[in-house]
Amino acid sequence: MTAAGSIERIMSETRPLRNGVFVAVVGPSGSGKDTILSYARERLEQRPEFHFVRRIVTRTADGDTEEHDTLNEQAFDAALQSGAFSLHWNAHGLRYALPKSVDHHVENGSVVIANVSRSTLGGLGAIYANVRIVHLNAAPEVLARRLAQRGREDAAAIEERLRRGAKAIAHRDGAIMLDNSGPVEIAGDRFIAILEKAAAFAAICEQI
């Protein structure tokens, strides 16, 4: 089932959850999404109003990837059929999901922060009434350098990835653009400020 199919299923089960805020973090490979999320999570770990989502991926975790929970294909299918996910999508030959507990946190007024695929953005409003999209990016030369340092792709593949990323940015409406070309503290502190504003908004929503 596609991300769109997942959203349609959820629409039939419940109306958009309104008490909290869902913060969707997107951006091209090399933009530093995991780094920025880790920076913010460490500095907000004593703040219960913020919930950073641990994704579920059909890939074994290792030192070069984000910390995530792993399911094989069969277990992923079983979890999907049982309604264990709030959202799921496919990308780069892998399957990704967010746990159903995300809905509970939003319903109870939390600011939920998750790294998601751009393919999910169009339908998030059907699930969560209050959505903030943070599009992380960096200068092309910075992206190219970071991707080359990973050693996973050759120069031609990196160039094609950067081209796709630039096209996606050009067509992204309604997102908060956040540049992460420099030291992590600069973009990290700006990201935390965005989350603080989301928390203030969620506090107002709970009072209505």
Protein backbone atom coordinates (compact mmCIF):
# COMPACT_ATOMS: atom_id res chain seq x y z
CA MET A 1 0.00 0.00 0.00
CA THR A 2 1.30 3.47 -0.87
CA ALA A 3 1.52 6.46 1.49
CA ALA A 4 -1.64 7.80 -0.17
CA GLY A 5 -3.40 4.50 0.47
CA SER A 6 -2.37 4.63 4.10
CA ILE A 7 -3.78 8.13 4.46
CA GLU A 8 -7.09 7.13 2.84
CA ARG A 9 -7.43 4.26 5.29
CA ILE A 10 -6.79 6.53 8.25
CA MET A 11 -9.29 9.12 6.97
CA SER A 12 -11.99 6.46 7.12
CA GLU A 13 -11.18 5.72 10.76
CA THR A 14 -10.89 9.13 12.39
CA ARG A 15 -11.07 12.85 11.81
CA PRO A 16 -7.86 14.94 11.91
CA LEU A 17 -6.29 15.04 15.35
CA ARG A 18 -6.22 18.62 16.58
CA ASN A 19 -4.67 19.04 20.02
CA GLY A 20 -0.99 18.85 19.11
CA VAL A 21 1.27 19.64 16.16
CA PHE A 22 2.93 17.24 13.74
CA VAL A 23 6.28 18.57 12.51
CA ALA A 24 7.36 16.86 9.29
CA VAL A 25 11.09 17.14 8.56
CA VAL A 26 12.08 16.61 4.93
CA GLY A 27 15.08 17.35 2.77
CA PRO A 28 17.56 15.83 0.35
CA SER A 29 20.22 13.34 1.33
CA GLY A 30 23.18 15.21 2.77
CA SER A 31 21.08 18.02 4.24
CA GLY A 32 21.77 16.73 7.75
CA LYS A 33 18.29 15.71 8.87
CA ASP A 34 19.52 13.11 11.37
CA THR A 35 22.13 15.53 12.72
CA ILE A 36 19.64 18.35 13.27
CA LEU A 37 17.08 16.01 14.82
CA SER A 38 19.69 14.61 17.21
CA TYR A 39 20.81 18.13 18.13
CA ALA A 40 17.27 19.21 18.98
CA ARG A 41 16.37 15.96 20.75
CA GLU A 42 19.36 16.19 23.09
CA ARG A 43 18.50 19.77 24.05
CA LEU A 44 14.79 19.15 24.53
CA GLU A 45 14.97 15.74 26.21
CA GLN A 46 13.69 17.16 29.51
CA ARG A 47 10.67 18.73 27.81
CA PRO A 48 7.77 16.23 27.77
CA GLU A 49 5.76 18.32 25.30
CA PHE A 50 8.19 17.31 22.53
CA HIS A 51 8.17 13.79 21.10
CA PHE A 52 10.81 12.73 18.57
CA VAL A 53 9.67 9.73 16.56
CA ARG A 54 11.82 6.64 16.15
CA ARG A 55 11.06 5.31 12.67
CA ILE A 56 10.52 1.70 11.67
CA VAL A 57 12.53 0.58 8.63
CA THR A 58 13.04 -2.68 6.76
CA ARG A 59 16.78 -2.24 7.16
CA THR A 60 19.18 -3.37 9.85
CA ALA A 61 20.52 -0.44 11.87
CA ASP A 62 24.27 0.20 11.71
CA GLY A 63 26.66 2.95 12.66
CA ASP A 64 26.22 4.79 9.37
CA THR A 65 22.42 5.17 9.53
CA GLU A 66 19.88 6.71 11.87
CA GLU A 67 18.82 4.88 15.00
CA HIS A 68 15.61 3.11 14.12
CA ASP A 69 13.55 0.03 14.81
CA THR A 70 13.89 -2.78 12.29
CA LEU A 71 11.28 -5.14 10.86
CA ASN A 72 11.73 -7.64 8.09
CA GLU A 73 9.27 -7.63 5.17
CA GLN A 74 6.99 -10.26 6.70
CA ALA A 75 6.82 -8.54 10.08
CA PHE A 76 6.27 -5.18 8.41
CA ASP A 77 3.31 -6.58 6.46
CA ALA A 78 1.83 -8.08 9.63
CA ALA A 79 2.20 -4.81 11.52
CA LEU A 80 0.64 -2.89 8.65
CA GLN A 81 -2.37 -5.21 8.52
CA SER A 82 -2.87 -4.94 12.28
CA GLY A 83 -3.00 -1.11 12.13
CA ALA A 84 0.27 -0.63 14.02
CA PHE A 85 1.40 2.34 11.92
CA SER A 86 0.24 5.94 11.81
CA LEU A 87 1.93 6.46 8.43
CA HIS A 88 4.06 4.42 6.05
CA TRP A 89 5.81 4.81 2.70
CA ASN A 90 8.37 3.24 0.37
CA ALA A 91 11.65 4.84 -0.66
CA HIS A 92 14.95 3.67 -2.15
CA GLY A 93 13.92 0.02 -2.04
CA LEU A 94 13.03 0.15 1.65
CA ARG A 95 9.79 0.46 3.60
CA TYR A 96 9.34 3.04 6.34
CA ALA A 97 6.68 3.63 8.98
CA LEU A 98 5.84 5.69 12.03
CA PRO A 99 4.29 3.85 14.99
CA LYS A 100 0.61 4.30 15.84
CA SER A 101 1.67 5.87 19.16
CA VAL A 102 2.33 9.07 17.18
CA ASP A 103 -1.43 9.63 17.00
CA HIS A 104 -1.70 9.30 20.78
CA HIS A 105 0.98 11.93 21.34
CA VAL A 106 -0.64 14.40 18.93
CA GLU A 107 -4.08 13.78 20.39
CA ASN A 108 -2.69 14.58 23.84
CA GLY A 109 -1.23 17.91 22.76
CA SER A 110 2.41 17.06 22.06
CA VAL A 111 4.64 18.43 19.35
CA VAL A 112 5.61 15.34 17.39
CA ILE A 113 8.70 15.57 15.19
CA ALA A 114 9.39 13.02 12.45
CA ASN A 115 11.66 12.57 9.47
CA VAL A 116 9.30 11.65 6.63
CA SER A 117 9.29 11.31 2.85
CA ARG A 118 8.18 14.23 0.71
CA SER A 119 5.65 11.82 -0.85
CA THR A 120 3.61 11.85 2.38
CA LEU A 121 3.23 15.61 2.73
CA GLY A 122 0.15 16.12 0.57
CA GLY A 123 -2.06 13.97 2.77
CA LEU A 124 -0.80 14.74 6.28
CA GLY A 125 -3.59 17.26 6.83
CA ALA A 126 -6.11 14.42 6.61
CA ILE A 127 -4.52 12.88 9.70
CA TYR A 128 -3.30 15.87 11.71
CA ALA A 129 -5.06 19.23 11.71
CA ASN A 130 -1.90 21.13 12.70
CA VAL A 131 1.08 20.33 10.48
CA ARG A 132 4.36 22.17 10.14
CA ILE A 133 6.74 21.21 7.33
CA VAL A 134 10.43 21.96 7.83
CA HIS A 135 12.43 21.57 4.63
CA LEU A 136 16.10 21.19 5.47
CA ASN A 137 18.61 21.97 2.76
CA ALA A 138 22.23 22.99 2.19
CA ALA A 139 24.27 24.56 -0.58
CA PRO A 140 24.83 22.21 -3.57
CA GLU A 141 28.57 22.00 -2.93
CA VAL A 142 27.94 21.09 0.71
CA LEU A 143 25.42 18.40 -0.25
CA ALA A 144 27.84 16.98 -2.83
CA ARG A 145 30.70 16.89 -0.32
CA ARG A 146 28.62 15.16 2.36
CA LEU A 147 27.29 12.57 -0.09
CA ALA A 148 30.81 11.88 -1.39
CA GLN A 149 32.08 11.41 2.17
CA ARG A 150 29.51 8.66 2.70
CA GLY A 151 31.06 6.68 -0.12
CA ARG A 152 27.76 5.04 -1.13
CA GLU A 153 27.41 6.51 -4.64
CA ASP A 154 29.63 7.52 -7.52
CA ALA A 155 29.83 11.06 -8.91
CA ALA A 156 27.12 10.50 -11.53
CA ALA A 157 24.68 9.13 -8.97
CA ILE A 158 25.36 12.05 -6.63
CA GLU A 159 24.76 14.55 -9.44
CA GLU A 160 21.43 12.90 -10.27
CA ARG A 161 20.39 12.90 -6.60
CA LEU A 162 21.17 16.60 -6.32
CA ARG A 163 19.16 17.33 -9.47
CA ARG A 164 16.11 15.53 -8.08
CA GLY A 165 16.47 17.34 -4.78
CA ALA A 166 16.61 20.76 -6.45
CA LYS A 167 13.45 20.00 -8.42
CA ALA A 168 11.62 18.93 -5.26
CA ILE A 169 12.58 22.14 -3.47
CA ALA A 170 11.31 24.23 -6.37
CA HIS A 171 7.86 22.64 -6.05
CA ARG A 172 7.55 22.64 -2.26
CA ASP A 173 4.90 25.09 -1.06
CA GLY A 174 4.08 25.93 2.53
CA ALA A 175 7.33 24.65 4.02
CA ILE A 176 9.65 26.45 6.42
CA MET A 177 12.99 26.47 4.62
CA LEU A 178 15.99 25.86 6.87
CA ASP A 179 19.55 26.09 5.55
CA ASN A 180 22.06 23.71 7.11
CA SER A 181 25.18 24.59 5.15
CA GLY A 182 27.14 25.78 8.18
CA PRO A 183 27.80 24.64 11.76
CA VAL A 184 25.05 22.43 13.19
CA GLU A 185 24.43 24.92 16.02
CA ILE A 186 23.12 27.56 13.63
CA ALA A 187 20.45 25.47 11.92
CA GLY A 188 19.91 23.45 15.10
CA ASP A 189 19.00 26.49 17.20
CA ARG A 190 16.72 27.81 14.46
CA PHE A 191 15.01 24.42 14.32
CA ILE A 192 14.47 24.46 18.08
CA ALA A 193 12.92 27.93 17.76
CA ILE A 194 10.47 26.50 15.20
CA LEU A 195 9.58 23.70 17.61
CA GLU A 196 9.10 26.16 20.47
CA LYS A 197 6.58 28.11 18.37
CA ALA A 198 4.77 24.86 17.57
CA ALA A 199 4.60 24.05 21.28
CA ALA A 200 3.12 27.47 22.03
CA PHE A 201 0.49 26.89 19.36
CA ALA A 202 -0.32 23.42 20.73
CA ALA A 203 -0.80 24.91 24.20
CA ILE A 204 -3.39 27.29 22.78
CA CYS A 205 -5.17 24.46 20.93
CA GLU A 206 -5.55 22.48 24.15
CA GLN A 207 -7.34 25.43 25.77
CA ILE A 208 -9.91 25.80 22.99
